Structures are given as C-alpha cells and as structure tokens.
C-alpha cells in the first residue's frame, strides 16, 4: 500500500499572495497620495501666508494635532493629570 503525501505551502495559496501583494501596493499608493496632499497643502499655506504677510500656519497645526493626539491617547488609557512635586527634602508626601 502506498502512502499519499500532501504538501502544504508555508507562504499560503496563490490567491492569498495576490491579495497581500495588492494590499501592499494599495498601501503604497495611499501613502504616496497623502504625501502629495501634504505637499500641496504646505505649498498653498506658504503662498497664502506670504500673500497675507502672516507666519506659516502648518507648524501651528502640526503642534496642535500633536497636543490633541496626546490628550486623546491619555484619555483612552484612562490617565489623569497630576502635579509633579520635586522636593527631595520632604519626608512625608501628602
């Protein structure tokens, strides 16, 4: 009696590899589109602020989005605001 040996691909089926490749290409296309969008927004910001004689807005927006992201992450983690007391000589802490 002969035994049938079945081989199993470690990398998955051809269809799964195709989907993974398509997903990688889609991610690259989205990253490229976002990079172009950022380039256009910063160019428009530079042109408009130069026209109006104002400082650029994009650095302010970048800092603002960072503050909002930090607040959102701390809220999602359940962190609370606390004061840091830096007094090494204090023996009893309130």
C-alpha atoms as a PDB file:
ATOM      1  CA  UNK A   1       0.000   0.000   0.000  1.00  0.00           C
ATOM      2  CA  UNK A   2       1.391   3.414  -0.929  1.00  0.00           C
ATOM      3  CA  UNK A   3       1.012   6.482   1.220  1.00  0.00           C
ATOM      4  CA  UNK A   4      -0.123   9.754  -0.267  1.00  0.00           C
ATOM      5  CA  UNK A   5       1.904  12.705   0.904  1.00  0.00           C
ATOM      6  CA  UNK A   6       0.305  16.088   0.686  1.00  0.00           C
ATOM      7  CA  UNK A   7       2.490  19.170   0.666  1.00  0.00           C
ATOM      8  CA  UNK A   8       1.311  22.351   2.261  1.00  0.00           C
ATOM      9  CA  UNK A   9       2.708  25.682   1.198  1.00  0.00           C
ATOM     10  CA  UNK A  10       4.141  27.742   4.019  1.00  0.00           C
ATOM     11  CA  UNK A  11       3.525  31.010   2.210  1.00  0.00           C
ATOM     12  CA  UNK A  12      -0.147  30.299   1.576  1.00  0.00           C
ATOM     13  CA  UNK A  13      -2.123  29.974  -1.585  1.00  0.00           C
ATOM     14  CA  UNK A  14      -1.525  31.945  -4.740  1.00  0.00           C
ATOM     15  CA  UNK A  15      -4.726  33.896  -4.116  1.00  0.00           C
ATOM     16  CA  UNK A  16      -3.550  34.892  -0.611  1.00  0.00           C
ATOM     17  CA  UNK A  17      -0.200  36.028  -2.022  1.00  0.00           C
ATOM     18  CA  UNK A  18      -2.025  38.051  -4.672  1.00  0.00           C
ATOM     19  CA  UNK A  19      -4.177  39.735  -2.030  1.00  0.00           C
ATOM     20  CA  UNK A  20      -1.139  40.540   0.102  1.00  0.00           C
ATOM     21  CA  UNK A  21       0.664  41.992  -2.906  1.00  0.00           C
ATOM     22  CA  UNK A  22      -2.388  44.048  -3.862  1.00  0.00           C
ATOM     23  CA  UNK A  23      -2.722  45.272  -0.260  1.00  0.00           C
ATOM     24  CA  UNK A  24       0.946  46.351  -0.208  1.00  0.00           C
ATOM     25  CA  UNK A  25       0.512  48.215  -3.490  1.00  0.00           C
ATOM     26  CA  UNK A  26      -2.653  49.895  -2.191  1.00  0.00           C
ATOM     27  CA  UNK A  27      -0.859  51.000   0.990  1.00  0.00           C
ATOM     28  CA  UNK A  28       1.992  52.420  -1.086  1.00  0.00           C
ATOM     29  CA  UNK A  29      -0.478  54.286  -3.303  1.00  0.00           C
ATOM     30  CA  UNK A  30      -2.311  55.737  -0.294  1.00  0.00           C
ATOM     31  CA  UNK A  31       0.992  56.847   1.298  1.00  0.00           C
ATOM     32  CA  UNK A  32       2.004  58.475  -1.991  1.00  0.00           C
ATOM     33  CA  UNK A  33      -1.338  60.257  -2.310  1.00  0.00           C
ATOM     34  CA  UNK A  34      -1.055  61.540   1.268  1.00  0.00           C
ATOM     35  CA  UNK A  35       2.471  62.777   0.597  1.00  0.00           C
ATOM     36  CA  UNK A  36       1.262  64.687  -2.465  1.00  0.00           C
ATOM     37  CA  UNK A  37      -1.648  66.106  -0.464  1.00  0.00           C
ATOM     38  CA  UNK A  38       0.707  67.302   2.289  1.00  0.00           C
ATOM     39  CA  UNK A  39       2.975  68.858  -0.325  1.00  0.00           C
ATOM     40  CA  UNK A  40       0.063  70.742  -1.894  1.00  0.00           C
ATOM     41  CA  UNK A  41      -1.274  71.913   1.479  1.00  0.00           C
ATOM     42  CA  UNK A  42       2.122  73.212   2.604  1.00  0.00           C
ATOM     43  CA  UNK A  43       2.650  74.944  -0.745  1.00  0.00           C
ATOM     44  CA  UNK A  44      -0.777  76.590  -0.523  1.00  0.00           C
ATOM     45  CA  UNK A  45      -0.045  77.588   3.081  1.00  0.00           C
ATOM     46  CA  UNK A  46       3.277  79.150   2.104  1.00  0.00           C
ATOM     47  CA  UNK A  47       1.718  81.037  -0.808  1.00  0.00           C
ATOM     48  CA  UNK A  48      -1.311  82.274   1.150  1.00  0.00           C
ATOM     49  CA  UNK A  49       0.619  83.336   4.244  1.00  0.00           C
ATOM     50  CA  UNK A  50       3.212  85.100   2.106  1.00  0.00           C
ATOM     51  CA  UNK A  51       0.416  86.883   0.266  1.00  0.00           C
ATOM     52  CA  UNK A  52      -1.200  87.997   3.533  1.00  0.00           C
ATOM     53  CA  UNK A  53       2.075  88.640   5.361  1.00  0.00           C
ATOM     54  CA  UNK A  54       1.356  86.149   8.131  1.00  0.00           C
ATOM     55  CA  UNK A  55       3.576  83.450   9.636  1.00  0.00           C
ATOM     56  CA  UNK A  56       3.019  79.931   8.257  1.00  0.00           C
ATOM     57  CA  UNK A  57       0.047  78.076   9.688  1.00  0.00           C
ATOM     58  CA  UNK A  58       1.224  74.479   9.146  1.00  0.00           C
ATOM     59  CA  UNK A  59       3.721  74.400  12.077  1.00  0.00           C
ATOM     60  CA  UNK A  60       0.984  75.639  14.394  1.00  0.00           C
ATOM     61  CA  UNK A  61      -1.417  72.994  13.085  1.00  0.00           C
ATOM     62  CA  UNK A  62       1.265  70.329  13.479  1.00  0.00           C
ATOM     63  CA  UNK A  63       1.787  71.234  17.141  1.00  0.00           C
ATOM     64  CA  UNK A  64      -1.976  71.450  17.712  1.00  0.00           C
ATOM     65  CA  UNK A  65      -2.599  67.997  16.268  1.00  0.00           C
ATOM     66  CA  UNK A  66       0.204  66.648  18.484  1.00  0.00           C
ATOM     67  CA  UNK A  67      -1.429  68.115  21.593  1.00  0.00           C
ATOM     68  CA  UNK A  68      -4.831  66.736  20.589  1.00  0.00           C
ATOM     69  CA  UNK A  69      -3.339  63.290  19.880  1.00  0.00           C
ATOM     70  CA  UNK A  70      -1.590  63.249  23.279  1.00  0.00           C
ATOM     71  CA  UNK A  71      -4.806  64.223  25.050  1.00  0.00           C
ATOM     72  CA  UNK A  72      -6.751  61.567  23.168  1.00  0.00           C
ATOM     73  CA  UNK A  73      -4.182  58.846  23.971  1.00  0.00           C
ATOM     74  CA  UNK A  74      -4.094  59.758  27.656  1.00  0.00           C
ATOM     75  CA  UNK A  75      -7.899  59.800  27.781  1.00  0.00           C
ATOM     76  CA  UNK A  76      -8.126  56.439  26.031  1.00  0.00           C
ATOM     77  CA  UNK A  77      -5.630  54.956  28.507  1.00  0.00           C
ATOM     78  CA  UNK A  78      -7.533  56.379  31.485  1.00  0.00           C
ATOM     79  CA  UNK A  79      -4.620  58.559  32.615  1.00  0.00           C
ATOM     80  CA  UNK A  80      -5.277  61.535  34.859  1.00  0.00           C
ATOM     81  CA  UNK A  81      -3.494  64.849  35.124  1.00  0.00           C
ATOM     82  CA  UNK A  82      -1.173  65.087  38.104  1.00  0.00           C
ATOM     83  CA  UNK A  83       1.239  67.612  39.527  1.00  0.00           C
ATOM     84  CA  UNK A  84       4.883  66.666  39.865  1.00  0.00           C
ATOM     85  CA  UNK A  85       6.403  67.716  43.171  1.00  0.00           C
ATOM     86  CA  UNK A  86      10.162  67.932  43.036  1.00  0.00           C
ATOM     87  CA  UNK A  87      11.231  68.365  46.642  1.00  0.00           C
ATOM     88  CA  UNK A  88      13.830  65.766  47.684  1.00  0.00           C
ATOM     89  CA  UNK A  89      13.995  67.091  51.274  1.00  0.00           C
ATOM     90  CA  UNK A  90      10.324  66.477  52.006  1.00  0.00           C
ATOM     91  CA  UNK A  91       9.977  63.347  54.148  1.00  0.00           C
ATOM     92  CA  UNK A  92       6.198  62.970  54.176  1.00  0.00           C
ATOM     93  CA  UNK A  93       4.255  63.182  50.949  1.00  0.00           C
ATOM     94  CA  UNK A  94       0.668  64.420  51.013  1.00  0.00           C
END
